């Protein structure tokens, strides 16, 4: 396991070890989201996870479609 993965595992275990109390977990998550860049990263990762099952398409196709849509 790489050092980054090891650290990530430690942080995850720490979060999971919080009491089952919603208020404690919410307090930690709220603090994480106060950091603008971290919040953006978390939202990006959540969106990627949510859209993982969607079909992909070539970037060129996307650009061509976008150009057609522009007036």
PDB file of N, CA and C in Angstrom:
ATOM      1  N   UNK A   1       0.849  -1.177   0.000  1.00  0.00           N
ATOM      2  CA  UNK A   1       0.000   0.000   0.000  1.00  0.00           C
ATOM      3  C   UNK A   1       0.896   1.242   0.000  1.00  0.00           C
ATOM      4  N   UNK A   2       0.566   2.176  -0.879  1.00  0.00           N
ATOM      5  CA  UNK A   2       1.342   3.404  -0.968  1.00  0.00           C
ATOM      6  C   UNK A   2       1.060   4.286   0.237  1.00  0.00           C
ATOM      7  N   UNK A   3       1.955   5.233   0.489  1.00  0.00           N
ATOM      8  CA  UNK A   3       1.814   6.131   1.645  1.00  0.00           C
ATOM      9  C   UNK A   3       0.512   6.921   1.572  1.00  0.00           C
ATOM     10  N   UNK A   4       0.145   7.384   0.379  1.00  0.00           N
ATOM     11  CA  UNK A   4      -1.093   8.158   0.222  1.00  0.00           C
ATOM     12  C   UNK A   4      -2.303   7.296   0.562  1.00  0.00           C
ATOM     13  N   UNK A   5      -2.305   6.070   0.063  1.00  0.00           N
ATOM     14  CA  UNK A   5      -3.417   5.160   0.349  1.00  0.00           C
ATOM     15  C   UNK A   5      -3.482   4.839   1.838  1.00  0.00           C
ATOM     16  N   UNK A   6      -2.325   4.677   2.451  1.00  0.00           N
ATOM     17  CA  UNK A   6      -2.265   4.389   3.875  1.00  0.00           C
ATOM     18  C   UNK A   6      -2.851   5.539   4.694  1.00  0.00           C
ATOM     19  N   UNK A   7      -2.467   6.754   4.340  1.00  0.00           N
ATOM     20  CA  UNK A   7      -2.996   7.939   5.033  1.00  0.00           C
ATOM     21  C   UNK A   7      -4.503   8.054   4.831  1.00  0.00           C
ATOM     22  N   UNK A   8      -4.947   7.803   3.606  1.00  0.00           N
ATOM     23  CA  UNK A   8      -6.376   7.868   3.310  1.00  0.00           C
ATOM     24  C   UNK A   8      -7.139   6.862   4.169  1.00  0.00           C
ATOM     25  N   UNK A   9      -6.580   5.693   4.344  1.00  0.00           N
ATOM     26  CA  UNK A   9      -7.217   4.662   5.170  1.00  0.00           C
ATOM     27  C   UNK A   9      -7.317   5.107   6.623  1.00  0.00           C
ATOM     28  N   UNK A  10      -6.279   5.745   7.126  1.00  0.00           N
ATOM     29  CA  UNK A  10      -6.281   6.239   8.506  1.00  0.00           C
ATOM     30  C   UNK A  10      -7.373   7.290   8.691  1.00  0.00           C
ATOM     31  N   UNK A  11      -7.464   8.227   7.733  1.00  0.00           N
ATOM     32  CA  UNK A  11      -8.485   9.274   7.825  1.00  0.00           C
ATOM     33  C   UNK A  11      -9.887   8.684   7.744  1.00  0.00           C
ATOM     34  N   UNK A  12     -10.079   7.719   6.867  1.00  0.00           N
ATOM     35  CA  UNK A  12     -11.383   7.082   6.738  1.00  0.00           C
ATOM     36  C   UNK A  12     -11.759   6.360   8.032  1.00  0.00           C
ATOM     37  N   UNK A  13     -10.815   5.654   8.608  1.00  0.00           N
ATOM     38  CA  UNK A  13     -11.088   4.952   9.865  1.00  0.00           C
ATOM     39  C   UNK A  13     -11.431   5.944  10.968  1.00  0.00           C
ATOM     40  N   UNK A  14     -10.758   7.086  10.990  1.00  0.00           N
ATOM     41  CA  UNK A  14     -11.049   8.106  11.997  1.00  0.00           C
ATOM     42  C   UNK A  14     -12.478   8.632  11.826  1.00  0.00           C
ATOM     43  N   UNK A  15     -12.872   8.890  10.593  1.00  0.00           N
ATOM     44  CA  UNK A  15     -14.239   9.361  10.347  1.00  0.00           C
ATOM     45  C   UNK A  15     -15.265   8.294  10.732  1.00  0.00           C
ATOM     46  N   UNK A  16     -14.970   7.052  10.405  1.00  0.00           N
ATOM     47  CA  UNK A  16     -15.896   5.970  10.717  1.00  0.00           C
ATOM     48  C   UNK A  16     -15.991   5.716  12.217  1.00  0.00           C
ATOM     49  N   UNK A  17     -14.956   6.081  12.941  1.00  0.00           N
ATOM     50  CA  UNK A  17     -14.952   5.819  14.382  1.00  0.00           C
ATOM     51  C   UNK A  17     -15.733   6.867  15.170  1.00  0.00           C
ATOM     52  N   UNK A  18     -16.144   7.944  14.493  1.00  0.00           N
ATOM     53  CA  UNK A  18     -16.958   8.943  15.191  1.00  0.00           C
ATOM     54  C   UNK A  18     -18.209   8.262  15.722  1.00  0.00           C
ATOM     55  N   UNK A  19     -18.721   8.808  16.780  1.00  0.00           N
ATOM     56  CA  UNK A  19     -19.928   8.203  17.338  1.00  0.00           C
ATOM     57  C   UNK A  19     -21.017   8.227  16.280  1.00  0.00           C
ATOM     58  N   UNK A  20     -21.975   7.395  16.456  1.00  0.00           N
ATOM     59  CA  UNK A  20     -23.076   7.318  15.501  1.00  0.00           C
ATOM     60  C   UNK A  20     -23.966   8.551  15.596  1.00  0.00           C
ATOM     61  N   UNK A  21     -23.649   9.419  16.499  1.00  0.00           N
ATOM     62  CA  UNK A  21     -24.400  10.657  16.662  1.00  0.00           C
ATOM     63  C   UNK A  21     -24.307  11.482  15.386  1.00  0.00           C
ATOM     64  N   UNK A  22     -25.449  11.833  14.847  1.00  0.00           N
ATOM     65  CA  UNK A  22     -25.489  12.640  13.617  1.00  0.00           C
ATOM     66  C   UNK A  22     -24.796  13.982  13.822  1.00  0.00           C
ATOM     67  N   UNK A  23     -24.958  14.573  14.985  1.00  0.00           N
ATOM     68  CA  UNK A  23     -24.410  15.906  15.205  1.00  0.00           C
ATOM     69  C   UNK A  23     -22.883  15.897  15.152  1.00  0.00           C
ATOM     70  N   UNK A  24     -22.257  14.859  15.648  1.00  0.00           N
ATOM     71  CA  UNK A  24     -20.789  14.780  15.623  1.00  0.00           C
ATOM     72  C   UNK A  24     -20.286  14.631  14.189  1.00  0.00           C
ATOM     73  N   UNK A  25     -20.914  13.753  13.433  1.00  0.00           N
ATOM     74  CA  UNK A  25     -20.517  13.563  12.034  1.00  0.00           C
ATOM     75  C   UNK A  25     -20.774  14.829  11.232  1.00  0.00           C
ATOM     76  N   UNK A  26     -21.923  15.443  11.444  1.00  0.00           N
ATOM     77  CA  UNK A  26     -22.255  16.673  10.726  1.00  0.00           C
ATOM     78  C   UNK A  26     -21.265  17.784  11.049  1.00  0.00           C
ATOM     79  N   UNK A  27     -20.828  17.857  12.280  1.00  0.00           N
ATOM     80  CA  UNK A  27     -19.867  18.892  12.675  1.00  0.00           C
ATOM     81  C   UNK A  27     -18.545  18.708  11.936  1.00  0.00           C
ATOM     82  N   UNK A  28     -18.087  17.468  11.822  1.00  0.00           N
ATOM     83  CA  UNK A  28     -16.830  17.202  11.123  1.00  0.00           C
ATOM     84  C   UNK A  28     -16.977  17.496   9.638  1.00  0.00           C
ATOM     85  N   UNK A  29     -18.070  17.047   9.046  1.00  0.00           N
ATOM     86  CA  UNK A  29     -18.291  17.280   7.618  1.00  0.00           C
ATOM     87  C   UNK A  29     -18.436  18.775   7.342  1.00  0.00           C
ATOM     88  N   UNK A  30     -19.139  19.485   8.200  1.00  0.00           N
ATOM     89  CA  UNK A  30     -19.294  20.932   8.031  1.00  0.00           C
ATOM     90  C   UNK A  30     -17.937  21.624   8.039  1.00  0.00           C
ATOM     91  N   UNK A  31     -17.062  21.195   8.925  1.00  0.00           N
ATOM     92  CA  UNK A  31     -15.708  21.781   8.984  1.00  0.00           C
ATOM     93  C   UNK A  31     -14.924  21.493   7.693  1.00  0.00           C
ATOM     94  N   UNK A  32     -15.067  20.283   7.179  1.00  0.00           N
ATOM     95  CA  UNK A  32     -14.389  19.934   5.928  1.00  0.00           C
ATOM     96  C   UNK A  32     -14.882  20.819   4.789  1.00  0.00           C
ATOM     97  N   UNK A  33     -16.172  21.072   4.758  1.00  0.00           N
ATOM     98  CA  UNK A  33     -16.765  21.840   3.667  1.00  0.00           C
ATOM     99  C   UNK A  33     -16.494  23.339   3.773  1.00  0.00           C
ATOM    100  N   UNK A  34     -15.981  23.803   4.907  1.00  0.00           N
ATOM    101  CA  UNK A  34     -15.635  25.215   5.051  1.00  0.00           C
ATOM    102  C   UNK A  34     -14.479  25.610   4.139  1.00  0.00           C
ATOM    103  N   UNK A  35     -13.610  24.656   3.848  1.00  0.00           N
ATOM    104  CA  UNK A  35     -12.478  24.903   2.960  1.00  0.00           C
ATOM    105  C   UNK A  35     -12.994  24.881   1.516  1.00  0.00           C
ATOM    106  N   UNK A  36     -12.935  26.015   0.836  1.00  0.00           N
ATOM    107  CA  UNK A  36     -13.515  26.152  -0.498  1.00  0.00           C
ATOM    108  C   UNK A  36     -12.957  25.135  -1.487  1.00  0.00           C
ATOM    109  N   UNK A  37     -11.645  24.993  -1.521  1.00  0.00           N
ATOM    110  CA  UNK A  37     -11.032  24.061  -2.480  1.00  0.00           C
ATOM    111  C   UNK A  37     -11.370  22.618  -2.139  1.00  0.00           C
ATOM    112  N   UNK A  38     -11.362  22.284  -0.870  1.00  0.00           N
ATOM    113  CA  UNK A  38     -11.710  20.927  -0.453  1.00  0.00           C
ATOM    114  C   UNK A  38     -13.167  20.632  -0.771  1.00  0.00           C
ATOM    115  N   UNK A  39     -14.037  21.614  -0.528  1.00  0.00           N
ATOM    116  CA  UNK A  39     -15.459  21.445  -0.842  1.00  0.00           C
ATOM    117  C   UNK A  39     -15.645  21.178  -2.330  1.00  0.00           C
ATOM    118  N   UNK A  40     -14.935  21.940  -3.158  1.00  0.00           N
ATOM    119  CA  UNK A  40     -15.034  21.743  -4.608  1.00  0.00           C
ATOM    120  C   UNK A  40     -14.567  20.345  -4.999  1.00  0.00           C
ATOM    121  N   UNK A  41     -13.470  19.882  -4.394  1.00  0.00           N
ATOM    122  CA  UNK A  41     -12.977  18.530  -4.673  1.00  0.00           C
ATOM    123  C   UNK A  41     -13.994  17.474  -4.265  1.00  0.00           C
ATOM    124  N   UNK A  42     -14.599  17.648  -3.105  1.00  0.00           N
ATOM    125  CA  UNK A  42     -15.590  16.688  -2.615  1.00  0.00           C
ATOM    126  C   UNK A  42     -16.793  16.646  -3.553  1.00  0.00           C
ATOM    127  N   UNK A  43     -17.257  17.814  -3.986  1.00  0.00           N
ATOM    128  CA  UNK A  43     -18.393  17.866  -4.909  1.00  0.00           C
ATOM    129  C   UNK A  43     -18.045  17.229  -6.255  1.00  0.00           C
ATOM    130  N   UNK A  44     -16.832  17.480  -6.737  1.00  0.00           N
ATOM    131  CA  UNK A  44     -16.398  16.862  -7.998  1.00  0.00           C
ATOM    132  C   UNK A  44     -16.385  15.338  -7.877  1.00  0.00           C
ATOM    133  N   UNK A  45     -15.841  14.838  -6.784  1.00  0.00           N
ATOM    134  CA  UNK A  45     -15.779  13.385  -6.586  1.00  0.00           C
ATOM    135  C   UNK A  45     -17.170  12.777  -6.464  1.00  0.00           C
ATOM    136  N   UNK A  46     -18.068  13.484  -5.782  1.00  0.00           N
ATOM    137  CA  UNK A  46     -19.443  12.990  -5.648  1.00  0.00           C
ATOM    138  C   UNK A  46     -20.123  12.943  -7.017  1.00  0.00           C
ATOM    139  N   UNK A  47     -19.913  13.959  -7.834  1.00  0.00           N
ATOM    140  CA  UNK A  47     -20.508  13.991  -9.163  1.00  0.00           C
ATOM    141  C   UNK A  47     -19.942  12.874 -10.043  1.00  0.00           C
ATOM    142  N   UNK A  48     -18.650  12.662  -9.979  1.00  0.00           N
ATOM    143  CA  UNK A  48     -18.025  11.579 -10.745  1.00  0.00           C
ATOM    144  C   UNK A  48     -18.619  10.241 -10.324  1.00  0.00           C
ATOM    145  N   UNK A  49     -18.744  10.024  -9.030  1.00  0.00           N
ATOM    146  CA  UNK A  49     -19.313   8.774  -8.517  1.00  0.00           C
ATOM    147  C   UNK A  49     -20.751   8.595  -8.993  1.00  0.00           C
ATOM    148  N   UNK A  50     -21.513   9.662  -8.953  1.00  0.00           N
ATOM    149  CA  UNK A  50     -22.920   9.616  -9.328  1.00  0.00           C
ATOM    150  C   UNK A  50     -23.096   9.313 -10.815  1.00  0.00           C
ATOM    151  N   UNK A  51     -22.201   9.810 -11.658  1.00  0.00           N
ATOM    152  CA  UNK A  51     -22.368   9.685 -13.104  1.00  0.00           C
ATOM    153  C   UNK A  51     -21.541   8.549 -13.702  1.00  0.00           C
ATOM    154  N   UNK A  52     -20.958   7.714 -12.872  1.00  0.00           N
ATOM    155  CA  UNK A  52     -20.069   6.666 -13.353  1.00  0.00           C
ATOM    156  C   UNK A  52     -20.736   5.704 -14.333  1.00  0.00           C
ATOM    157  N   UNK A  53     -21.999   5.440 -14.172  1.00  0.00           N
ATOM    158  CA  UNK A  53     -22.683   4.477 -15.030  1.00  0.00           C
ATOM    159  C   UNK A  53     -23.141   5.045 -16.357  1.00  0.00           C
ATOM    160  N   UNK A  54     -22.998   6.337 -16.559  1.00  0.00           N
ATOM    161  CA  UNK A  54     -23.448   6.953 -17.799  1.00  0.00           C
ATOM    162  C   UNK A  54     -22.516   6.595 -18.953  1.00  0.00           C
ATOM    163  N   UNK A  55     -23.086   6.495 -20.151  1.00  0.00           N
ATOM    164  CA  UNK A  55     -22.222   6.191 -21.304  1.00  0.00           C
ATOM    165  C   UNK A  55     -21.285   7.361 -21.593  1.00  0.00           C
ATOM    166  N   UNK A  56     -20.133   7.055 -22.118  1.00  0.00           N
ATOM    167  CA  UNK A  56     -19.165   8.097 -22.449  1.00  0.00           C
ATOM    168  C   UNK A  56     -19.289   8.442 -23.930  1.00  0.00           C
ATOM    169  N   UNK A  57     -18.672   9.553 -24.301  1.00  0.00           N
ATOM    170  CA  UNK A  57     -18.630   9.932 -25.707  1.00  0.00           C
ATOM    171  C   UNK A  57     -17.316  10.650 -25.972  1.00  0.00           C
ATOM    172  N   UNK A  58     -16.956  10.724 -27.219  1.00  0.00           N
ATOM    173  CA  UNK A  58     -15.714  11.380 -27.591  1.00  0.00           C
ATOM    174  C   UNK A  58     -15.830  12.881 -27.357  1.00  0.00           C
ATOM    175  N   UNK A  59     -14.739  13.474 -26.933  1.00  0.00           N
ATOM    176  CA  UNK A  59     -14.717  14.908 -26.678  1.00  0.00           C
ATOM    177  C   UNK A  59     -15.006  15.680 -27.961  1.00  0.00           C
ATOM    178  N   UNK A  60     -14.495  15.178 -29.091  1.00  0.00           N
ATOM    179  CA  UNK A  60     -14.751  15.829 -30.381  1.00  0.00           C
ATOM    180  C   UNK A  60     -16.248  15.879 -30.678  1.00  0.00           C
ATOM    181  N   UNK A  61     -16.956  14.800 -30.362  1.00  0.00           N
ATOM    182  CA  UNK A  61     -18.401  14.763 -30.574  1.00  0.00           C
ATOM    183  C   UNK A  61     -19.103  15.803 -29.704  1.00  0.00           C
ATOM    184  N   UNK A  62     -18.671  15.909 -28.471  1.00  0.00           N
ATOM    185  CA  UNK A  62     -19.241  16.905 -27.568  1.00  0.00           C
ATOM    186  C   UNK A  62     -19.030  18.316 -28.118  1.00  0.00           C
ATOM    187  N   UNK A  63     -17.810  18.612 -28.568  1.00  0.00           N
ATOM    188  CA  UNK A  63     -17.513  19.934 -29.103  1.00  0.00           C
ATOM    189  C   UNK A  63     -18.352  20.230 -30.346  1.00  0.00           C
ATOM    190  N   UNK A  64     -18.498  19.248 -31.227  1.00  0.00           N
ATOM    191  CA  UNK A  64     -19.298  19.432 -32.436  1.00  0.00           C
ATOM    192  C   UNK A  64     -20.756  19.703 -32.074  1.00  0.00           C
ATOM    193  N   UNK A  65     -21.265  18.967 -31.118  1.00  0.00           N
ATOM    194  CA  UNK A  65     -22.649  19.174 -30.662  1.00  0.00           C
ATOM    195  C   UNK A  65     -22.824  20.555 -30.054  1.00  0.00           C
ATOM    196  N   UNK A  66     -21.848  20.961 -29.314  1.00  0.00           N
ATOM    197  CA  UNK A  66     -21.910  22.280 -28.660  1.00  0.00           C
ATOM    198  C   UNK A  66     -21.870  23.408 -29.699  1.00  0.00           C
ATOM    199  N   UNK A  67     -21.041  23.238 -30.725  1.00  0.00           N
ATOM    200  CA  UNK A  67     -20.961  24.264 -31.773  1.00  0.00           C
ATOM    201  C   UNK A  67     -22.283  24.372 -32.526  1.00  0.00           C
ATOM    202  N   UNK A  68     -22.951  23.265 -32.755  1.00  0.00           N
ATOM    203  CA  UNK A  68     -24.250  23.288 -33.443  1.00  0.00           C
ATOM    204  C   UNK A  68     -25.285  24.046 -32.617  1.00  0.00           C
ATOM    205  N   UNK A  69     -25.202  23.924 -31.297  1.00  0.00           N
ATOM    206  CA  UNK A  69     -26.178  24.520 -30.405  1.00  0.00           C
ATOM    207  C   UNK A  69     -25.987  26.034 -30.266  1.00  0.00           C
ATOM    208  N   UNK A  70     -24.792  26.538 -30.558  1.00  0.00           N
ATOM    209  CA  UNK A  70     -24.512  27.967 -30.435  1.00  0.00           C
ATOM    210  C   UNK A  70     -25.130  28.725 -31.605  1.00  0.00           C
ATOM    211  N   UNK A  71     -25.675  29.914 -31.339  1.00  0.00           N
ATOM    212  CA  UNK A  71     -26.308  30.695 -32.422  1.00  0.00           C
ATOM    213  C   UNK A  71     -25.306  31.269 -33.393  1.00  0.00           C
TER     214      UNK A  71
END
